[in-house]
Amino acid sequence: MKKTLCLLAVGLLILSSSVILVSAAGKEKGAKEQSVARGSIRVKGQPSAVERAALAKISFQDALAAAVAAYPGKVISGELGVEDGNLQYDFEIIGADKKVMDVAIDAGNGKVLDIDESDED
């Protein structure tokens, strides 16, 4: 009887340790996924193009210059939009290495929010 209780206790200890490790790993992954850059102009919902333009503190041309400075190349598209609650300019740029990169520029202060490889072909 004592042997059975001891085995049961060891089994529960192993199971609870596994649950704690899995939980901690999930929280760490979630923290990495939530490390989205926070822009200086936060908006809720999807304001119209006119509303977005009125909220922006920097011009499209200034944002374009910041994007090309951050990732030199040929700009193939650009727009002012809302992503993750940030009002930002998004540009697709083809670099010298022929990679298409998405460059996000804060519409409030012109800082680079993100640069990553484009998902589109």
PDB file of N, CA and C in Angstrom:
ATOM      1  N   MET A   1       0.825  -1.195   0.000  1.00  0.00           N
ATOM      2  CA  MET A   1       0.000   0.000   0.000  1.00  0.00           C
ATOM      3  C   MET A   1       0.868   1.257   0.000  1.00  0.00           C
ATOM      4  N   LYS A   2       1.922   1.285   0.869  1.00  0.00           N
ATOM      5  CA  LYS A   2       2.793   2.445   0.917  1.00  0.00           C
ATOM      6  C   LYS A   2       3.526   2.620  -0.408  1.00  0.00           C
ATOM      7  N   LYS A   3       3.896   1.489  -1.023  1.00  0.00           N
ATOM      8  CA  LYS A   3       4.602   1.544  -2.298  1.00  0.00           C
ATOM      9  C   LYS A   3       3.697   2.157  -3.371  1.00  0.00           C
ATOM     10  N   THR A   4       2.436   1.808  -3.387  1.00  0.00           N
ATOM     11  CA  THR A   4       1.481   2.337  -4.365  1.00  0.00           C
ATOM     12  C   THR A   4       1.303   3.839  -4.149  1.00  0.00           C
ATOM     13  N   LEU A   5       1.158   4.272  -2.892  1.00  0.00           N
ATOM     14  CA  LEU A   5       1.013   5.694  -2.592  1.00  0.00           C
ATOM     15  C   LEU A   5       2.260   6.475  -2.984  1.00  0.00           C
ATOM     16  N   CYS A   6       3.407   5.875  -2.746  1.00  0.00           N
ATOM     17  CA  CYS A   6       4.662   6.527  -3.100  1.00  0.00           C
ATOM     18  C   CYS A   6       4.763   6.691  -4.621  1.00  0.00           C
ATOM     19  N   LEU A   7       4.441   5.663  -5.368  1.00  0.00           N
ATOM     20  CA  LEU A   7       4.469   5.731  -6.831  1.00  0.00           C
ATOM     21  C   LEU A   7       3.460   6.759  -7.344  1.00  0.00           C
ATOM     22  N   LEU A   8       2.304   6.793  -6.740  1.00  0.00           N
ATOM     23  CA  LEU A   8       1.280   7.763  -7.124  1.00  0.00           C
ATOM     24  C   LEU A   8       1.771   9.194  -6.863  1.00  0.00           C
ATOM     25  N   ALA A   9       2.404   9.416  -5.723  1.00  0.00           N
ATOM     26  CA  ALA A   9       2.928  10.744  -5.385  1.00  0.00           C
ATOM     27  C   ALA A   9       4.022  11.158  -6.371  1.00  0.00           C
ATOM     28  N   VAL A  10       4.916  10.231  -6.702  1.00  0.00           N
ATOM     29  CA  VAL A  10       5.984  10.532  -7.668  1.00  0.00           C
ATOM     30  C   VAL A  10       5.371  10.842  -9.037  1.00  0.00           C
ATOM     31  N   GLY A  11       4.371  10.080  -9.433  1.00  0.00           N
ATOM     32  CA  GLY A  11       3.706  10.323 -10.713  1.00  0.00           C
ATOM     33  C   GLY A  11       3.052  11.695 -10.759  1.00  0.00           C
ATOM     34  N   LEU A  12       2.385  12.079  -9.680  1.00  0.00           N
ATOM     35  CA  LEU A  12       1.758  13.399  -9.607  1.00  0.00           C
ATOM     36  C   LEU A  12       2.807  14.511  -9.628  1.00  0.00           C
ATOM     37  N   LEU A  13       3.925  14.281  -8.964  1.00  0.00           N
ATOM     38  CA  LEU A  13       5.000  15.273  -8.958  1.00  0.00           C
ATOM     39  C   LEU A  13       5.559  15.469 -10.370  1.00  0.00           C
ATOM     40  N   ILE A  14       5.764  14.392 -11.087  1.00  0.00           N
ATOM     41  CA  ILE A  14       6.272  14.472 -12.467  1.00  0.00           C
ATOM     42  C   ILE A  14       5.254  15.172 -13.359  1.00  0.00           C
ATOM     43  N   LEU A  15       3.995  14.818 -13.215  1.00  0.00           N
ATOM     44  CA  LEU A  15       2.938  15.428 -14.017  1.00  0.00           C
ATOM     45  C   LEU A  15       2.831  16.925 -13.752  1.00  0.00           C
ATOM     46  N   SER A  16       2.860  17.334 -12.487  1.00  0.00           N
ATOM     47  CA  SER A  16       2.747  18.759 -12.169  1.00  0.00           C
ATOM     48  C   SER A  16       3.973  19.524 -12.660  1.00  0.00           C
ATOM     49  N   SER A  17       5.146  18.915 -12.594  1.00  0.00           N
ATOM     50  CA  SER A  17       6.354  19.565 -13.113  1.00  0.00           C
ATOM     51  C   SER A  17       6.243  19.778 -14.610  1.00  0.00           C
ATOM     52  N   SER A  18       5.711  18.801 -15.318  1.00  0.00           N
ATOM     53  CA  SER A  18       5.540  18.927 -16.766  1.00  0.00           C
ATOM     54  C   SER A  18       4.566  20.044 -17.103  1.00  0.00           C
ATOM     55  N   VAL A  19       3.482  20.138 -16.363  1.00  0.00           N
ATOM     56  CA  VAL A  19       2.487  21.180 -16.599  1.00  0.00           C
ATOM     57  C   VAL A  19       3.098  22.551 -16.361  1.00  0.00           C
ATOM     58  N   ILE A  20       3.897  22.703 -15.320  1.00  0.00           N
ATOM     59  CA  ILE A  20       4.538  23.984 -15.009  1.00  0.00           C
ATOM     60  C   ILE A  20       5.512  24.366 -16.116  1.00  0.00           C
ATOM     61  N   LEU A  21       6.310  23.413 -16.603  1.00  0.00           N
ATOM     62  CA  LEU A  21       7.262  23.697 -17.676  1.00  0.00           C
ATOM     63  C   LEU A  21       6.554  24.097 -18.960  1.00  0.00           C
ATOM     64  N   VAL A  22       5.493  23.389 -19.323  1.00  0.00           N
ATOM     65  CA  VAL A  22       4.743  23.710 -20.527  1.00  0.00           C
ATOM     66  C   VAL A  22       4.099  25.088 -20.394  1.00  0.00           C
ATOM     67  N   SER A  23       3.565  25.389 -19.224  1.00  0.00           N
ATOM     68  CA  SER A  23       2.939  26.685 -18.978  1.00  0.00           C
ATOM     69  C   SER A  23       3.959  27.814 -19.087  1.00  0.00           C
ATOM     70  N   ALA A  24       5.130  27.621 -18.504  1.00  0.00           N
ATOM     71  CA  ALA A  24       6.179  28.649 -18.564  1.00  0.00           C
ATOM     72  C   ALA A  24       6.646  28.862 -19.994  1.00  0.00           C
ATOM     73  N   ALA A  25       6.793  27.790 -20.756  1.00  0.00           N
ATOM     74  CA  ALA A  25       7.214  27.910 -22.156  1.00  0.00           C
ATOM     75  C   ALA A  25       6.162  28.658 -22.962  1.00  0.00           C
ATOM     76  N   GLY A  26       4.899  28.403 -22.698  1.00  0.00           N
ATOM     77  CA  GLY A  26       3.822  29.091 -23.399  1.00  0.00           C
ATOM     78  C   GLY A  26       3.806  30.574 -23.085  1.00  0.00           C
ATOM     79  N   LYS A  27       4.062  30.937 -21.832  1.00  0.00           N
ATOM     80  CA  LYS A  27       4.097  32.350 -21.450  1.00  0.00           C
ATOM     81  C   LYS A  27       5.270  33.044 -22.121  1.00  0.00           C
ATOM     82  N   GLU A  28       6.424  32.380 -22.198  1.00  0.00           N
ATOM     83  CA  GLU A  28       7.593  32.973 -22.843  1.00  0.00           C
ATOM     84  C   GLU A  28       7.325  33.202 -24.318  1.00  0.00           C
ATOM     85  N   LYS A  29       6.700  32.244 -24.990  1.00  0.00           N
ATOM     86  CA  LYS A  29       6.369  32.400 -26.397  1.00  0.00           C
ATOM     87  C   LYS A  29       5.369  33.532 -26.579  1.00  0.00           C
ATOM     88  N   GLY A  30       4.375  33.609 -25.708  1.00  0.00           N
ATOM     89  CA  GLY A  30       3.376  34.668 -25.780  1.00  0.00           C
ATOM     90  C   GLY A  30       4.002  36.040 -25.577  1.00  0.00           C
ATOM     91  N   ALA A  31       4.989  36.130 -24.701  1.00  0.00           N
ATOM     92  CA  ALA A  31       5.659  37.408 -24.466  1.00  0.00           C
ATOM     93  C   ALA A  31       6.407  37.850 -25.712  1.00  0.00           C
ATOM     94  N   LYS A  32       7.034  36.919 -26.413  1.00  0.00           N
ATOM     95  CA  LYS A  32       7.746  37.254 -27.638  1.00  0.00           C
ATOM     96  C   LYS A  32       6.774  37.711 -28.713  1.00  0.00           C
ATOM     97  N   GLU A  33       5.638  37.049 -28.822  1.00  0.00           N
ATOM     98  CA  GLU A  33       4.651  37.409 -29.832  1.00  0.00           C
ATOM     99  C   GLU A  33       4.025  38.766 -29.535  1.00  0.00           C
ATOM    100  N   GLN A  34       3.986  39.153 -28.262  1.00  0.00           N
ATOM    101  CA  GLN A  34       3.368  40.412 -27.889  1.00  0.00           C
ATOM    102  C   GLN A  34       4.347  41.573 -27.927  1.00  0.00           C
ATOM    103  N   SER A  35       5.569  41.347 -28.372  1.00  0.00           N
ATOM    104  CA  SER A  35       6.549  42.414 -28.407  1.00  0.00           C
ATOM    105  C   SER A  35       6.408  43.249 -29.678  1.00  0.00           C
ATOM    106  N   VAL A  36       5.179  43.554 -30.022  1.00  0.00           N
ATOM    107  CA  VAL A  36       4.881  44.380 -31.187  1.00  0.00           C
ATOM    108  C   VAL A  36       5.215  45.826 -30.829  1.00  0.00           C
ATOM    109  N   ALA A  37       5.861  46.518 -31.770  1.00  0.00           N
ATOM    110  CA  ALA A  37       6.218  47.916 -31.530  1.00  0.00           C
ATOM    111  C   ALA A  37       4.964  48.750 -31.298  1.00  0.00           C
ATOM    112  N   ARG A  38       5.063  49.661 -30.374  1.00  0.00           N
ATOM    113  CA  ARG A  38       3.941  50.536 -30.060  1.00  0.00           C
ATOM    114  C   ARG A  38       4.219  51.909 -30.671  1.00  0.00           C
ATOM    115  N   GLY A  39       3.309  52.342 -31.513  1.00  0.00           N
ATOM    116  CA  GLY A  39       3.459  53.628 -32.179  1.00  0.00           C
ATOM    117  C   GLY A  39       3.061  54.782 -31.289  1.00  0.00           C
ATOM    118  N   SER A  40       3.387  55.990 -31.739  1.00  0.00           N
ATOM    119  CA  SER A  40       3.083  57.179 -30.940  1.00  0.00           C
ATOM    120  C   SER A  40       1.640  57.643 -31.126  1.00  0.00           C
ATOM    121  N   ILE A  41       0.980  57.166 -32.187  1.00  0.00           N
ATOM    122  CA  ILE A  41      -0.434  57.501 -32.401  1.00  0.00           C
ATOM    123  C   ILE A  41      -1.229  56.198 -32.366  1.00  0.00           C
ATOM    124  N   ARG A  42      -2.016  56.044 -31.314  1.00  0.00           N
ATOM    125  CA  ARG A  42      -2.820  54.831 -31.141  1.00  0.00           C
ATOM    126  C   ARG A  42      -4.256  55.139 -31.555  1.00  0.00           C
ATOM    127  N   VAL A  43      -4.850  54.253 -32.333  1.00  0.00           N
ATOM    128  CA  VAL A  43      -6.236  54.430 -32.769  1.00  0.00           C
ATOM    129  C   VAL A  43      -7.007  53.143 -32.545  1.00  0.00           C
ATOM    130  N   LYS A  44      -8.296  53.283 -32.404  1.00  0.00           N
ATOM    131  CA  LYS A  44      -9.175  52.124 -32.276  1.00  0.00           C
ATOM    132  C   LYS A  44      -9.970  51.984 -33.552  1.00  0.00           C
ATOM    133  N   GLY A  45     -10.193  50.754 -33.954  1.00  0.00           N
ATOM    134  CA  GLY A  45     -10.984  50.506 -35.152  1.00  0.00           C
ATOM    135  C   GLY A  45     -10.227  50.843 -36.420  1.00  0.00           C
ATOM    136  N   GLN A  46     -10.991  51.117 -37.468  1.00  0.00           N
ATOM    137  CA  GLN A  46     -10.418  51.442 -38.776  1.00  0.00           C
ATOM    138  C   GLN A  46     -10.958  52.788 -39.245  1.00  0.00           C
ATOM    139  N   PRO A  47     -10.268  53.877 -38.882  1.00  0.00           N
ATOM    140  CA  PRO A  47     -10.732  55.187 -39.331  1.00  0.00           C
ATOM    141  C   PRO A  47     -10.629  55.306 -40.854  1.00  0.00           C
ATOM    142  N   SER A  48     -11.408  56.207 -41.416  1.00  0.00           N
ATOM    143  CA  SER A  48     -11.392  56.422 -42.865  1.00  0.00           C
ATOM    144  C   SER A  48     -10.042  57.004 -43.289  1.00  0.00           C
ATOM    145  N   ALA A  49      -9.794  57.017 -44.586  1.00  0.00           N
ATOM    146  CA  ALA A  49      -8.549  57.566 -45.119  1.00  0.00           C
ATOM    147  C   ALA A  49      -8.394  59.029 -44.734  1.00  0.00           C
ATOM    148  N   VAL A  50      -9.468  59.774 -44.765  1.00  0.00           N
ATOM    149  CA  VAL A  50      -9.430  61.194 -44.398  1.00  0.00           C
ATOM    150  C   VAL A  50      -9.089  61.337 -42.912  1.00  0.00           C
ATOM    151  N   GLU A  51      -9.696  60.525 -42.062  1.00  0.00           N
ATOM    152  CA  GLU A  51      -9.420  60.571 -40.626  1.00  0.00           C
ATOM    153  C   GLU A  51      -7.972  60.184 -40.332  1.00  0.00           C
ATOM    154  N   ARG A  52      -7.475  59.162 -41.019  1.00  0.00           N
ATOM    155  CA  ARG A  52      -6.074  58.746 -40.828  1.00  0.00           C
ATOM    156  C   ARG A  52      -5.125  59.879 -41.210  1.00  0.00           C
ATOM    157  N   ALA A  53      -5.381  60.504 -42.353  1.00  0.00           N
ATOM    158  CA  ALA A  53      -4.521  61.599 -42.816  1.00  0.00           C
ATOM    159  C   ALA A  53      -4.535  62.764 -41.827  1.00  0.00           C
ATOM    160  N   ALA A  54      -5.688  63.048 -41.249  1.00  0.00           N
ATOM    161  CA  ALA A  54      -5.790  64.147 -40.288  1.00  0.00           C
ATOM    162  C   ALA A  54      -5.026  63.842 -38.997  1.00  0.00           C
ATOM    163  N   LEU A  55      -4.944  62.566 -38.625  1.00  0.00           N
ATOM    164  CA  LEU A  55      -4.244  62.169 -37.400  1.00  0.00           C
ATOM    165  C   LEU A  55      -2.725  62.125 -37.570  1.00  0.00           C
ATOM    166  N   ALA A  56      -2.242  61.864 -38.777  1.00  0.00           N
ATOM    167  CA  ALA A  56      -0.803  61.722 -39.027  1.00  0.00           C
ATOM    168  C   ALA A  56      -0.075  63.034 -38.759  1.00  0.00           C
ATOM    169  N   LYS A  57       1.066  62.933 -38.099  1.00  0.00           N
ATOM    170  CA  LYS A  57       1.872  64.119 -37.780  1.00  0.00           C
ATOM    171  C   LYS A  57       2.993  64.343 -38.800  1.00  0.00           C
ATOM    172  N   ILE A  58       3.364  63.308 -39.524  1.00  0.00           N
ATOM    173  CA  ILE A  58       4.398  63.471 -40.547  1.00  0.00           C
ATOM    174  C   ILE A  58       3.786  63.200 -41.920  1.00  0.00           C
ATOM    175  N   SER A  59       4.394  63.755 -42.936  1.00  0.00           N
ATOM    176  CA  SER A  59       3.878  63.594 -44.297  1.00  0.00           C
ATOM    177  C   SER A  59       4.271  62.234 -44.880  1.00  0.00           C
ATOM    178  N   PHE A  60       3.582  61.886 -45.941  1.00  0.00           N
ATOM    179  CA  PHE A  60       3.904  60.657 -46.664  1.00  0.00           C
ATOM    180  C   PHE A  60       5.348  60.717 -47.158  1.00  0.00           C
ATOM    181  N   GLN A  61       5.786  61.875 -47.663  1.00  0.00           N
ATOM    182  CA  GLN A  61       7.132  62.033 -48.198  1.00  0.00           C
ATOM    183  C   GLN A  61       8.187  61.841 -47.099  1.00  0.00           C
ATOM    184  N   ASP A  62       7.928  62.373 -45.907  1.00  0.00           N
ATOM    185  CA  ASP A  62       8.874  62.194 -44.798  1.00  0.00           C
ATOM    186  C   ASP A  62       8.939  60.730 -44.371  1.00  0.00           C
ATOM    187  N   ALA A  63       7.791  60.067 -44.347  1.00  0.00           N
ATOM    188  CA  ALA A  63       7.756  58.651 -43.995  1.00  0.00           C
ATOM    189  C   ALA A  63       8.482  57.820 -45.049  1.00  0.00           C
ATOM    190  N   LEU A  64       8.289  58.167 -46.306  1.00  0.00           N
ATOM    191  CA  LEU A  64       8.968  57.480 -47.402  1.00  0.00           C
ATOM    192  C   LEU A  64      10.480  57.611 -47.273  1.00  0.00           C
ATOM    193  N   ALA A  65      10.948  58.825 -46.970  1.00  0.00           N
ATOM    194  CA  ALA A  65      12.387  59.045 -46.790  1.00  0.00           C
ATOM    195  C   ALA A  65      12.931  58.208 -45.627  1.00  0.00           C
ATOM    196  N   ALA A  66      12.169  58.123 -44.538  1.00  0.00           N
ATOM    197  CA  ALA A  66      12.597  57.329 -43.380  1.00  0.00           C
ATOM    198  C   ALA A  66      12.651  55.843 -43.724  1.00  0.00           C
ATOM    199  N   ALA A  67      11.686  55.369 -44.506  1.00  0.00           N
ATOM    200  CA  ALA A  67      11.646  53.962 -44.889  1.00  0.00           C
ATOM    201  C   ALA A  67      12.838  53.599 -45.770  1.00  0.00           C
ATOM    202  N   VAL A  68      13.142  54.447 -46.746  1.00  0.00           N
ATOM    203  CA  VAL A  68      14.261  54.171 -47.656  1.00  0.00           C
ATOM    204  C   VAL A  68      15.601  54.302 -46.919  1.00  0.00           C
ATOM    205  N   ALA A  69      15.670  55.178 -45.946  1.00  0.00           N
ATOM    206  CA  ALA A  69      16.882  55.281 -45.127  1.00  0.00           C
ATOM    207  C   ALA A  69      17.080  54.010 -44.299  1.00  0.00           C
ATOM    208  N   ALA A  70      15.974  53.431 -43.825  1.00  0.00           N
ATOM    209  CA  ALA A  70      16.045  52.221 -43.014  1.00  0.00           C
ATOM    210  C   ALA A  70      16.341  50.982 -43.852  1.00  0.00           C
ATOM    211  N   TYR A  71      15.806  50.944 -45.073  1.00  0.00           N
ATOM    212  CA  TYR A  71      16.034  49.809 -45.965  1.00  0.00           C
ATOM    213  C   TYR A  71      16.129  50.350 -47.394  1.00  0.00           C
ATOM    214  N   PRO A  72      17.334  50.659 -47.851  1.00  0.00           N
ATOM    215  CA  PRO A  72      17.508  51.241 -49.185  1.00  0.00           C
ATOM    216  C   PRO A  72      17.017  50.306 -50.287  1.00  0.00           C
ATOM    217  N   GLY A  73      16.388  50.895 -51.283  1.00  0.00           N
ATOM    218  CA  GLY A  73      15.900  50.120 -52.417  1.00  0.00           C
ATOM    219  C   GLY A  73      14.827  50.881 -53.165  1.00  0.00           C
ATOM    220  N   LYS A  74      14.095  50.143 -53.985  1.00  0.00           N
ATOM    221  CA  LYS A  74      13.032  50.733 -54.793  1.00  0.00           C
ATOM    222  C   LYS A  74      11.685  50.479 -54.107  1.00  0.00           C
ATOM    223  N   VAL A  75      10.952  51.549 -53.854  1.00  0.00           N
ATOM    224  CA  VAL A  75       9.647  51.443 -53.197  1.00  0.00           C
ATOM    225  C   VAL A  75       8.621  51.006 -54.236  1.00  0.00           C
ATOM    226  N   ILE A  76       7.891  49.932 -53.929  1.00  0.00           N
ATOM    227  CA  ILE A  76       6.873  49.446 -54.870  1.00  0.00           C
ATOM    228  C   ILE A  76       5.462  49.743 -54.403  1.00  0.00           C
ATOM    229  N   SER A  77       5.298  50.055 -53.115  1.00  0.00           N
ATOM    230  CA  SER A  77       3.982  50.475 -52.638  1.00  0.00           C
ATOM    231  C   SER A  77       4.124  51.155 -51.291  1.00  0.00           C
ATOM    232  N   GLY A  78       3.126  51.965 -50.962  1.00  0.00           N
ATOM    233  CA  GLY A  78       3.112  52.648 -49.675  1.00  0.00           C
ATOM    234  C   GLY A  78       1.710  53.104 -49.343  1.00  0.00           C
ATOM    235  N   GLU A  79       1.371  53.039 -48.046  1.00  0.00           N
ATOM    236  CA  GLU A  79       0.045  53.476 -47.615  1.00  0.00           C
ATOM    237  C   GLU A  79       0.059  53.853 -46.149  1.00  0.00           C
ATOM    238  N   LEU A  80      -0.909  54.668 -45.774  1.00  0.00           N
ATOM    239  CA  LEU A  80      -1.114  55.049 -44.382  1.00  0.00           C
ATOM    240  C   LEU A  80      -2.256  54.197 -43.856  1.00  0.00           C
ATOM    241  N   GLY A  81      -1.975  53.425 -42.817  1.00  0.00           N
ATOM    242  CA  GLY A  81      -3.006  52.528 -42.294  1.00  0.00           C
ATOM    243  C   GLY A  81      -2.861  52.311 -40.799  1.00  0.00           C
ATOM    244  N   VAL A  82      -3.684  51.410 -40.290  1.00  0.00           N
ATOM    245  CA  VAL A  82      -3.661  51.051 -38.877  1.00  0.00           C
ATOM    246  C   VAL A  82      -3.293  49.582 -38.771  1.00  0.00           C
ATOM    247  N   GLU A  83      -2.268  49.321 -37.972  1.00  0.00           N
ATOM    248  CA  GLU A  83      -1.834  47.940 -37.731  1.00  0.00           C
ATOM    249  C   GLU A  83      -1.547  47.789 -36.247  1.00  0.00           C
ATOM    250  N   ASP A  84      -2.152  46.801 -35.617  1.00  0.00           N
ATOM    251  CA  ASP A  84      -1.988  46.560 -34.180  1.00  0.00           C
ATOM    252  C   ASP A  84      -2.283  47.817 -33.355  1.00  0.00           C
ATOM    253  N   GLY A  85      -3.229  48.634 -33.823  1.00  0.00           N
ATOM    254  CA  GLY A  85      -3.603  49.846 -33.110  1.00  0.00           C
ATOM    255  C   GLY A  85      -2.705  51.040 -33.378  1.00  0.00           C
ATOM    256  N   ASN A  86      -1.656  50.847 -34.195  1.00  0.00           N
ATOM    257  CA  ASN A  86      -0.729  51.931 -34.523  1.00  0.00           C
ATOM    258  C   ASN A  86      -1.135  52.593 -35.835  1.00  0.00           C
ATOM    259  N   LEU A  87      -1.101  53.921 -35.861  1.00  0.00           N
ATOM    260  CA  LEU A  87      -1.241  54.629 -37.123  1.00  0.00           C
ATOM    261  C   LEU A  87       0.155  54.662 -37.728  1.00  0.00           C
ATOM    262  N   GLN A  88       0.315  54.040 -38.887  1.00  0.00           N
ATOM    263  CA  GLN A  88       1.642  53.909 -39.474  1.00  0.00           C
ATOM    264  C   GLN A  88       1.598  53.897 -40.990  1.00  0.00           C
ATOM    265  N   TYR A  89       2.715  54.286 -41.552  1.00  0.00           N
ATOM    266  CA  TYR A  89       2.915  54.175 -42.988  1.00  0.00           C
ATOM    267  C   TYR A  89       3.572  52.826 -43.236  1.00  0.00           C
ATOM    268  N   ASP A  90       3.056  52.091 -44.200  1.00  0.00           N
ATOM    269  CA  ASP A  90       3.625  50.799 -44.566  1.00  0.00           C
ATOM    270  C   ASP A  90       4.143  50.864 -45.994  1.00  0.00           C
ATOM    271  N   PHE A  91       5.397  50.471 -46.174  1.00  0.00           N
ATOM    272  CA  PHE A  91       6.030  50.491 -47.487  1.00  0.00           C
ATOM    273  C   PHE A  91       6.568  49.111 -47.823  1.00  0.00           C
ATOM    274  N   GLU A  92       6.451  48.744 -49.088  1.00  0.00           N
ATOM    275  CA  GLU A  92       7.122  47.550 -49.603  1.00  0.00           C
ATOM    276  C   GLU A  92       8.293  48.046 -50.438  1.00  0.00           C
ATOM    277  N   ILE A  93       9.480  47.545 -50.116  1.00  0.00           N
ATOM    278  CA  ILE A  93      10.699  47.996 -50.777  1.00  0.00           C
ATOM    279  C   ILE A  93      11.482  46.788 -51.280  1.00  0.00           C
ATOM    280  N   ILE A  94      11.920  46.873 -52.539  1.00  0.00           N
ATOM    281  CA  ILE A  94      12.800  45.842 -53.095  1.00  0.00           C
ATOM    282  C   ILE A  94      14.229  46.321 -52.908  1.00  0.00           C
ATOM    283  N   GLY A  95      15.012  45.548 -52.159  1.00  0.00           N
ATOM    284  CA  GLY A  95      16.400  45.905 -51.899  1.00  0.00           C
ATOM    285  C   GLY A  95      17.329  45.416 -52.992  1.00  0.00           C
ATOM    286  N   ALA A  96      18.601  45.759 -52.871  1.00  0.00           N
ATOM    287  CA  ALA A  96      19.618  45.337 -53.840  1.00  0.00           C
ATOM    288  C   ALA A  96      19.734  43.812 -53.886  1.00  0.00           C
ATOM    289  N   ASP A  97      19.384  43.153 -52.793  1.00  0.00           N
ATOM    290  CA  ASP A  97      19.445  41.689 -52.724  1.00  0.00           C
ATOM    291  C   ASP A  97      18.207  41.015 -53.321  1.00  0.00           C
ATOM    292  N   LYS A  98      17.321  41.815 -53.927  1.00  0.00           N
ATOM    293  CA  LYS A  98      16.084  41.358 -54.577  1.00  0.00           C
ATOM    294  C   LYS A  98      15.039  40.840 -53.592  1.00  0.00           C
ATOM    295  N   LYS A  99      15.222  41.105 -52.310  1.00  0.00           N
ATOM    296  CA  LYS A  99      14.214  40.746 -51.314  1.00  0.00           C
ATOM    297  C   LYS A  99      13.216  41.886 -51.197  1.00  0.00           C
ATOM    298  N   VAL A 100      11.953  41.520 -51.046  1.00  0.00           N
ATOM    299  CA  VAL A 100      10.910  42.520 -50.808  1.00  0.00           C
ATOM    300  C   VAL A 100      10.682  42.581 -49.305  1.00  0.00           C
ATOM    301  N   MET A 101      10.870  43.782 -48.773  1.00  0.00           N
ATOM    302  CA  MET A 101      10.725  43.971 -47.333  1.00  0.00           C
ATOM    303  C   MET A 101       9.578  44.926 -47.043  1.00  0.00           C
ATOM    304  N   ASP A 102       8.870  44.661 -45.948  1.00  0.00           N
ATOM    305  CA  ASP A 102       7.838  45.559 -45.443  1.00  0.00           C
ATOM    306  C   ASP A 102       8.485  46.449 -44.391  1.00  0.00           C
ATOM    307  N   VAL A 103       8.346  47.748 -44.556  1.00  0.00           N
ATOM    308  CA  VAL A 103       8.911  48.705 -43.609  1.00  0.00           C
ATOM    309  C   VAL A 103       7.761  49.536 -43.047  1.00  0.00           C
ATOM    310  N   ALA A 104       7.615  49.527 -41.717  1.00  0.00           N
ATOM    311  CA  ALA A 104       6.557  50.278 -41.046  1.00  0.00           C
ATOM    312  C   ALA A 104       7.166  51.495 -40.369  1.00  0.00           C
ATOM    313  N   ILE A 105       6.598  52.663 -40.660  1.00  0.00           N
ATOM    314  CA  ILE A 105       7.078  53.929 -40.106  1.00  0.00           C
ATOM    315  C   ILE A 105       5.966  54.554 -39.267  1.00  0.00           C
ATOM    316  N   ASP A 106       6.296  54.969 -38.061  1.00  0.00           N
ATOM    317  CA  ASP A 106       5.348  55.611 -37.160  1.00  0.00           C
ATOM    318  C   ASP A 106       4.860  56.921 -37.788  1.00  0.00           C
ATOM    319  N   ALA A 107       3.547  57.074 -37.895  1.00  0.00           N
ATOM    320  CA  ALA A 107       2.961  58.264 -38.513  1.00  0.00           C
ATOM    321  C   ALA A 107       3.020  59.486 -37.603  1.00  0.00           C
ATOM    322  N   GLY A 108       3.451  59.298 -36.369  1.00  0.00           N
ATOM    323  CA  GLY A 108       3.542  60.414 -35.445  1.00  0.00           C
ATOM    324  C   GLY A 108       4.932  61.012 -35.344  1.00  0.00           C
ATOM    325  N   ASN A 109       5.958  60.154 -35.388  1.00  0.00           N
ATOM    326  CA  ASN A 109       7.311  60.664 -35.173  1.00  0.00           C
ATOM    327  C   ASN A 109       8.328  60.228 -36.228  1.00  0.00           C
ATOM    328  N   GLY A 110       7.918  59.406 -37.185  1.00  0.00           N
ATOM    329  CA  GLY A 110       8.813  58.996 -38.269  1.00  0.00           C
ATOM    330  C   GLY A 110       9.792  57.900 -37.915  1.00  0.00           C
ATOM    331  N   LYS A 111       9.660  57.308 -36.744  1.00  0.00           N
ATOM    332  CA  LYS A 111      10.571  56.227 -36.337  1.00  0.00           C
ATOM    333  C   LYS A 111      10.154  54.918 -36.992  1.00  0.00           C
ATOM    334  N   VAL A 112      11.140  54.057 -37.212  1.00  0.00           N
ATOM    335  CA  VAL A 112      10.886  52.737 -37.782  1.00  0.00           C
ATOM    336  C   VAL A 112      10.248  51.862 -36.706  1.00  0.00           C
ATOM    337  N   LEU A 113       9.069  51.319 -37.008  1.00  0.00           N
ATOM    338  CA  LEU A 113       8.391  50.411 -36.084  1.00  0.00           C
ATOM    339  C   LEU A 113       8.770  48.966 -36.348  1.00  0.00           C
ATOM    340  N   ASP A 114       8.978  48.633 -37.640  1.00  0.00           N
ATOM    341  CA  ASP A 114       9.250  47.233 -37.978  1.00  0.00           C
ATOM    342  C   ASP A 114       9.817  47.147 -39.384  1.00  0.00           C
ATOM    343  N   ILE A 115      10.692  46.201 -39.590  1.00  0.00           N
ATOM    344  CA  ILE A 115      11.174  45.827 -40.915  1.00  0.00           C
ATOM    345  C   ILE A 115      11.165  44.311 -40.959  1.00  0.00           C
ATOM    346  N   ASP A 116      10.420  43.748 -41.906  1.00  0.00           N
ATOM    347  CA  ASP A 116      10.443  42.302 -42.060  1.00  0.00           C
ATOM    348  C   ASP A 116      10.183  41.921 -43.498  1.00  0.00           C
ATOM    349  N   GLU A 117      10.524  40.682 -43.811  1.00  0.00           N
ATOM    350  CA  GLU A 117      10.367  40.208 -45.175  1.00  0.00           C
ATOM    351  C   GLU A 117       8.889  40.105 -45.534  1.00  0.00           C
ATOM    352  N   SER A 118       8.558  40.573 -46.713  1.00  0.00           N
ATOM    353  CA  SER A 118       7.175  40.591 -47.158  1.00  0.00           C
ATOM    354  C   SER A 118       6.657  39.177 -47.356  1.00  0.00           C
ATOM    355  N   ASP A 119       5.385  38.972 -47.009  1.00  0.00           N
ATOM    356  CA  ASP A 119       4.737  37.680 -47.196  1.00  0.00           C
ATOM    357  C   ASP A 119       4.252  37.513 -48.625  1.00  0.00           C
ATOM    358  N   GLU A 120       4.098  38.607 -49.340  1.00  0.00           N
ATOM    359  CA  GLU A 120       3.545  38.567 -50.691  1.00  0.00           C
ATOM    360  C   GLU A 120       4.639  38.285 -51.712  1.00  0.00           C
ATOM    361  N   ASP A 121       4.251  37.606 -52.782  1.00  0.00           N
ATOM    362  CA  ASP A 121       5.213  37.332 -53.869  1.00  0.00           C
ATOM    363  C   ASP A 121       5.039  38.303 -54.998  1.00  0.00           C
TER     364      ASP A 121
END
